[in-house]
Amino acid sequence: EKYKEVKSTAKMSRCYNEQCSHPNAMVERSKVKPCAGCRQAYYCSRECQKADWPRHGMICELNSLVITRAQAEQGEAATKEASMKASTTS
């Protein structure tokens, strides 16, 4: 009974735009979309994302750089690990 009640309750998320017109910027989680640049900020609409760009733009660029660097480091670590495994099994 309680499970069905909880399961049927809409999961909510906050639109990253502080000026969002939704009450408390809360929107159904299934309706928010991540920023295409950094995927760290979520918006209820393209309009909210555009309106928030002056504030989010610099943060987005920094997030993207950090994410790219982290992915590169993970790739290097995986390559090094694979190389070490190959040299020990040969």
N, C-alpha and C. Protein backbone atom coordinates (compact mmCIF):
# COMPACT_ATOMS: atom_id res chain seq x y z
N GLU A 1 0.84 -1.20 0.00
CA GLU A 1 0.00 0.00 0.00
C GLU A 1 0.88 1.26 0.00
N LYS A 2 1.79 1.35 0.97
CA LYS A 2 2.67 2.52 1.07
C LYS A 2 3.58 2.61 -0.17
N TYR A 3 4.04 1.46 -0.66
CA TYR A 3 4.91 1.43 -1.83
C TYR A 3 4.19 2.05 -3.03
N LYS A 4 2.94 1.66 -3.25
CA LYS A 4 2.17 2.19 -4.38
C LYS A 4 2.00 3.70 -4.25
N GLU A 5 1.77 4.16 -3.03
CA GLU A 5 1.60 5.60 -2.79
C GLU A 5 2.88 6.36 -3.13
N VAL A 6 3.99 5.86 -2.65
CA VAL A 6 5.28 6.51 -2.90
C VAL A 6 5.65 6.43 -4.37
N LYS A 7 5.45 5.26 -4.98
CA LYS A 7 5.79 5.06 -6.38
C LYS A 7 5.00 5.98 -7.30
N SER A 8 3.75 6.24 -6.97
CA SER A 8 2.91 7.07 -7.83
C SER A 8 3.12 8.57 -7.61
N THR A 9 3.85 8.95 -6.56
CA THR A 9 4.13 10.36 -6.30
C THR A 9 5.15 10.88 -7.30
N ALA A 10 4.87 12.01 -7.91
CA ALA A 10 5.79 12.59 -8.89
C ALA A 10 7.10 12.98 -8.21
N LYS A 11 8.21 12.60 -8.82
CA LYS A 11 9.53 12.97 -8.32
C LYS A 11 9.83 14.37 -8.85
N MET A 12 10.29 15.23 -7.97
CA MET A 12 10.50 16.63 -8.34
C MET A 12 11.99 16.97 -8.40
N SER A 13 12.29 17.96 -9.20
CA SER A 13 13.65 18.47 -9.34
C SER A 13 13.57 19.99 -9.45
N ARG A 14 14.68 20.64 -9.22
CA ARG A 14 14.70 22.10 -9.27
C ARG A 14 15.33 22.58 -10.58
N CYS A 15 14.67 23.53 -11.22
CA CYS A 15 15.23 24.18 -12.39
C CYS A 15 16.37 25.09 -11.91
N TYR A 16 17.50 25.04 -12.60
CA TYR A 16 18.70 25.78 -12.19
C TYR A 16 18.53 27.29 -12.32
N ASN A 17 17.57 27.71 -13.17
CA ASN A 17 17.33 29.13 -13.36
C ASN A 17 16.63 29.71 -12.13
N GLU A 18 17.29 30.63 -11.45
CA GLU A 18 16.72 31.23 -10.24
C GLU A 18 15.45 32.03 -10.53
N GLN A 19 15.26 32.45 -11.77
CA GLN A 19 14.09 33.24 -12.16
C GLN A 19 12.99 32.38 -12.78
N CYS A 20 13.08 31.08 -12.67
CA CYS A 20 12.09 30.16 -13.25
C CYS A 20 10.69 30.52 -12.75
N SER A 21 9.71 30.42 -13.65
CA SER A 21 8.34 30.81 -13.30
C SER A 21 7.57 29.73 -12.53
N HIS A 22 8.10 28.51 -12.47
CA HIS A 22 7.43 27.46 -11.70
C HIS A 22 7.55 27.77 -10.21
N PRO A 23 6.56 27.40 -9.42
CA PRO A 23 6.63 27.65 -7.97
C PRO A 23 7.90 27.02 -7.37
N ASN A 24 8.70 27.83 -6.73
CA ASN A 24 9.98 27.40 -6.13
C ASN A 24 10.91 26.74 -7.14
N ALA A 25 10.69 27.00 -8.42
CA ALA A 25 11.48 26.43 -9.52
C ALA A 25 11.44 24.91 -9.51
N MET A 26 10.39 24.33 -8.92
CA MET A 26 10.27 22.88 -8.84
C MET A 26 9.45 22.36 -10.03
N VAL A 27 9.99 21.29 -10.66
CA VAL A 27 9.39 20.71 -11.85
C VAL A 27 9.49 19.19 -11.74
N GLU A 28 8.59 18.48 -12.38
CA GLU A 28 8.68 17.02 -12.40
C GLU A 28 10.03 16.63 -12.97
N ARG A 29 10.70 15.70 -12.29
CA ARG A 29 12.05 15.31 -12.68
C ARG A 29 12.12 14.83 -14.13
N SER A 30 11.08 14.16 -14.59
CA SER A 30 11.09 13.64 -15.96
C SER A 30 11.05 14.74 -17.01
N LYS A 31 10.74 15.97 -16.60
CA LYS A 31 10.62 17.08 -17.55
C LYS A 31 11.86 17.97 -17.61
N VAL A 32 12.80 17.80 -16.68
CA VAL A 32 14.00 18.65 -16.72
C VAL A 32 15.04 18.04 -17.65
N LYS A 33 15.83 18.91 -18.27
CA LYS A 33 16.87 18.49 -19.20
C LYS A 33 18.20 19.08 -18.75
N PRO A 34 19.29 18.31 -18.89
CA PRO A 34 20.60 18.84 -18.48
C PRO A 34 21.16 19.83 -19.49
N CYS A 35 22.00 20.72 -19.01
CA CYS A 35 22.73 21.63 -19.88
C CYS A 35 23.58 20.76 -20.82
N ALA A 36 23.54 21.05 -22.09
CA ALA A 36 24.29 20.26 -23.08
C ALA A 36 25.79 20.45 -22.92
N GLY A 37 26.22 21.58 -22.36
CA GLY A 37 27.65 21.85 -22.22
C GLY A 37 28.30 21.08 -21.09
N CYS A 38 27.73 21.17 -19.90
CA CYS A 38 28.37 20.56 -18.74
C CYS A 38 27.58 19.42 -18.12
N ARG A 39 26.29 19.34 -18.44
CA ARG A 39 25.40 18.32 -17.90
C ARG A 39 25.32 18.36 -16.36
N GLN A 40 25.64 19.50 -15.79
CA GLN A 40 25.60 19.67 -14.33
C GLN A 40 24.39 20.48 -13.88
N ALA A 41 23.86 21.32 -14.75
CA ALA A 41 22.70 22.16 -14.43
C ALA A 41 21.49 21.60 -15.18
N TYR A 42 20.33 21.64 -14.55
CA TYR A 42 19.12 21.10 -15.17
C TYR A 42 18.09 22.21 -15.30
N TYR A 43 17.40 22.22 -16.44
CA TYR A 43 16.43 23.26 -16.74
C TYR A 43 15.10 22.66 -17.15
N CYS A 44 14.02 23.40 -16.85
CA CYS A 44 12.69 22.94 -17.21
C CYS A 44 12.37 23.21 -18.67
N SER A 45 13.09 24.15 -19.30
CA SER A 45 12.81 24.49 -20.69
C SER A 45 14.04 25.17 -21.31
N ARG A 46 14.02 25.22 -22.61
CA ARG A 46 15.09 25.91 -23.35
C ARG A 46 15.08 27.40 -22.99
N GLU A 47 13.90 27.96 -22.79
CA GLU A 47 13.78 29.38 -22.43
C GLU A 47 14.48 29.66 -21.09
N CYS A 48 14.27 28.77 -20.12
CA CYS A 48 14.92 28.96 -18.82
C CYS A 48 16.44 28.85 -18.96
N GLN A 49 16.89 27.92 -19.79
CA GLN A 49 18.32 27.77 -19.99
C GLN A 49 18.92 29.03 -20.62
N LYS A 50 18.25 29.55 -21.64
CA LYS A 50 18.74 30.77 -22.31
C LYS A 50 18.74 31.95 -21.34
N ALA A 51 17.68 32.08 -20.54
CA ALA A 51 17.59 33.19 -19.59
C ALA A 51 18.68 33.10 -18.53
N ASP A 52 19.11 31.89 -18.19
CA ASP A 52 20.11 31.70 -17.14
C ASP A 52 21.54 31.72 -17.67
N TRP A 53 21.71 31.74 -19.00
CA TRP A 53 23.06 31.65 -19.57
C TRP A 53 24.03 32.71 -19.06
N PRO A 54 23.62 33.98 -18.90
CA PRO A 54 24.59 34.96 -18.38
C PRO A 54 25.18 34.55 -17.03
N ARG A 55 24.42 33.89 -16.20
CA ARG A 55 24.90 33.44 -14.89
C ARG A 55 25.64 32.10 -15.02
N HIS A 56 25.11 31.19 -15.80
CA HIS A 56 25.65 29.83 -15.86
C HIS A 56 26.82 29.68 -16.83
N GLY A 57 26.94 30.56 -17.81
CA GLY A 57 27.94 30.40 -18.87
C GLY A 57 29.36 30.12 -18.39
N MET A 58 29.87 30.94 -17.48
CA MET A 58 31.24 30.75 -17.02
C MET A 58 31.37 29.46 -16.20
N ILE A 59 30.39 29.19 -15.36
CA ILE A 59 30.39 27.96 -14.57
C ILE A 59 30.39 26.75 -15.51
N CYS A 60 29.57 26.84 -16.56
CA CYS A 60 29.47 25.77 -17.54
C CYS A 60 30.82 25.49 -18.19
N GLU A 61 31.49 26.54 -18.59
CA GLU A 61 32.79 26.38 -19.24
C GLU A 61 33.79 25.71 -18.29
N LEU A 62 33.82 26.14 -17.04
CA LEU A 62 34.72 25.54 -16.05
C LEU A 62 34.36 24.08 -15.79
N ASN A 63 33.06 23.80 -15.64
CA ASN A 63 32.61 22.41 -15.44
C ASN A 63 33.04 21.53 -16.60
N SER A 64 32.87 22.03 -17.82
CA SER A 64 33.23 21.26 -19.01
C SER A 64 34.72 20.96 -19.03
N LEU A 65 35.54 21.94 -18.66
CA LEU A 65 36.99 21.72 -18.63
C LEU A 65 37.36 20.66 -17.58
N VAL A 66 36.75 20.76 -16.41
CA VAL A 66 37.04 19.79 -15.34
C VAL A 66 36.62 18.39 -15.76
N ILE A 67 35.44 18.28 -16.35
CA ILE A 67 34.93 16.97 -16.79
C ILE A 67 35.84 16.39 -17.87
N THR A 68 36.23 17.21 -18.84
CA THR A 68 37.10 16.75 -19.93
C THR A 68 38.43 16.28 -19.38
N ARG A 69 39.00 17.05 -18.45
CA ARG A 69 40.29 16.68 -17.85
C ARG A 69 40.16 15.37 -17.08
N ALA A 70 39.09 15.21 -16.31
CA ALA A 70 38.88 14.00 -15.53
C ALA A 70 38.73 12.78 -16.45
N GLN A 71 37.99 12.95 -17.55
CA GLN A 71 37.82 11.85 -18.49
C GLN A 71 39.15 11.47 -19.13
N ALA A 72 39.96 12.46 -19.46
CA ALA A 72 41.28 12.19 -20.04
C ALA A 72 42.16 11.44 -19.05
N GLU A 73 42.13 11.85 -17.79
CA GLU A 73 42.93 11.17 -16.77
C GLU A 73 42.46 9.74 -16.56
N GLN A 74 41.14 9.52 -16.59
CA GLN A 74 40.62 8.16 -16.46
C GLN A 74 41.07 7.30 -17.62
N GLY A 75 41.06 7.88 -18.82
CA GLY A 75 41.51 7.15 -20.01
C GLY A 75 42.98 6.78 -19.91
N GLU A 76 43.82 7.71 -19.43
CA GLU A 76 45.25 7.44 -19.26
C GLU A 76 45.46 6.35 -18.23
N ALA A 77 44.72 6.41 -17.13
CA ALA A 77 44.85 5.41 -16.07
C ALA A 77 44.44 4.03 -16.58
N ALA A 78 43.37 3.97 -17.35
CA ALA A 78 42.90 2.69 -17.89
C ALA A 78 43.92 2.12 -18.87
N THR A 79 44.53 2.98 -19.69
CA THR A 79 45.54 2.54 -20.66
C THR A 79 46.76 2.00 -19.93
N LYS A 80 47.18 2.71 -18.88
CA LYS A 80 48.35 2.29 -18.09
C LYS A 80 48.07 0.95 -17.42
N GLU A 81 46.86 0.80 -16.86
CA GLU A 81 46.49 -0.44 -16.18
C GLU A 81 46.47 -1.60 -17.17
N ALA A 82 45.91 -1.39 -18.35
CA ALA A 82 45.86 -2.44 -19.36
C ALA A 82 47.27 -2.82 -19.81
N SER A 83 48.13 -1.82 -19.93
CA SER A 83 49.51 -2.07 -20.33
C SER A 83 50.23 -2.91 -19.28
N MET A 84 49.99 -2.58 -18.00
CA MET A 84 50.63 -3.32 -16.91
C MET A 84 50.13 -4.76 -16.89
N LYS A 85 48.85 -4.98 -17.09
CA LYS A 85 48.29 -6.33 -17.11
C LYS A 85 48.88 -7.14 -18.27
N ALA A 86 49.01 -6.49 -19.42
CA ALA A 86 49.55 -7.16 -20.60
C ALA A 86 51.00 -7.57 -20.37
N SER A 87 51.78 -6.73 -19.70
CA SER A 87 53.19 -7.03 -19.48
C SER A 87 53.38 -8.12 -18.44
N THR A 88 52.44 -8.29 -17.51
CA THR A 88 52.57 -9.33 -16.48
C THR A 88 52.06 -10.67 -16.98
N THR A 89 51.22 -10.69 -18.00
CA THR A 89 50.69 -11.94 -18.52
C THR A 89 51.51 -12.45 -19.70
N SER A 90 52.46 -11.68 -20.18
CA SER A 90 53.27 -12.10 -21.33
C SER A 90 54.41 -12.97 -20.91
